[in-house]
């Protein structure tokens, strides 16, 4: 089997795209496509060497490392999906808030992948002003030549979003001050698409005006059509994760340990990390993941 055949087979098995492979190899997708067809006019040896290196790294990863399931639809994720559906369908604004590491972001990413006209941006200390947030939204919508002025950006976004029946998700929204939240509220109302804000408890308290619903926050709070609090994961969430990793739900000792690990604030992410490390050891030993391996991984990772 030629290198081209091997790479094509791996692309099919892993559900990759030629564009992804080309980017990881440092070439354009057009160059890779031409190489596969035998019509590449550039440095074939250089491209082939890069492709061989990529292929070797991929096969090594498959043989050595254990990846977490792409996505586990936990009951918590299902609730977030339902909120997304509601906001998208009726063009409303809502908030999902709570502890870190409970699956909010992963659920939002999966919803974005699985549905048309759903966009997701992530706020951060460097992206928390009106200009920066609107510009990030413009890039997510595919507006590559977006202006930098807030007023013009807002008008372009309103035009782009209107009539799409879409949903704009803003993760890490606890970074956003009142002025930005107000801008998003107005944009949401004008464009009549759904907006979902995701973050920690701070985003919720900010939207309601701190601990008292102050007048300046009243318009923002009154538009909040959905409020979902996720402070910790349920046992059913842990069951779904365990099942996705091929663990036996009937193993009471194992499951009680997983419940203990995974039900704290932010612990679902930690549990996944432990399972990955335990899976790595299990694969090296050619044995299934066991409780001792999970506890050993927990100890190693602190």
Foldseek 3Di string as FASTA:
>chain_A
DDLLVLVVVVCVVVVHDLQVLCVQLVHHSVQVVCVSVVNRPDDNVSSVVSSVVVSVVVVVCVLFFDDAPLDFCFPVLVVLLVVQCVCLQQLFEAEEAAFAQACPVVSLVVSQVVDPQEFEDEADLVQADLQSVLVRVCVRLVNPVADSDNVSSLVVLLVSLAPPSHEYEYEQCLSYAPVNLVSVVVSSVSRSGGYYYYYYCSVVCRLCVHPHNDPSNVVSVVRHPYYHYDHWDDLRRLVRSCVSLVHDPPPVVQSVVSCVQGGHRSRNNVQSQLSRQQVSVCSVVVHGRDSVSSVVSSVVVD
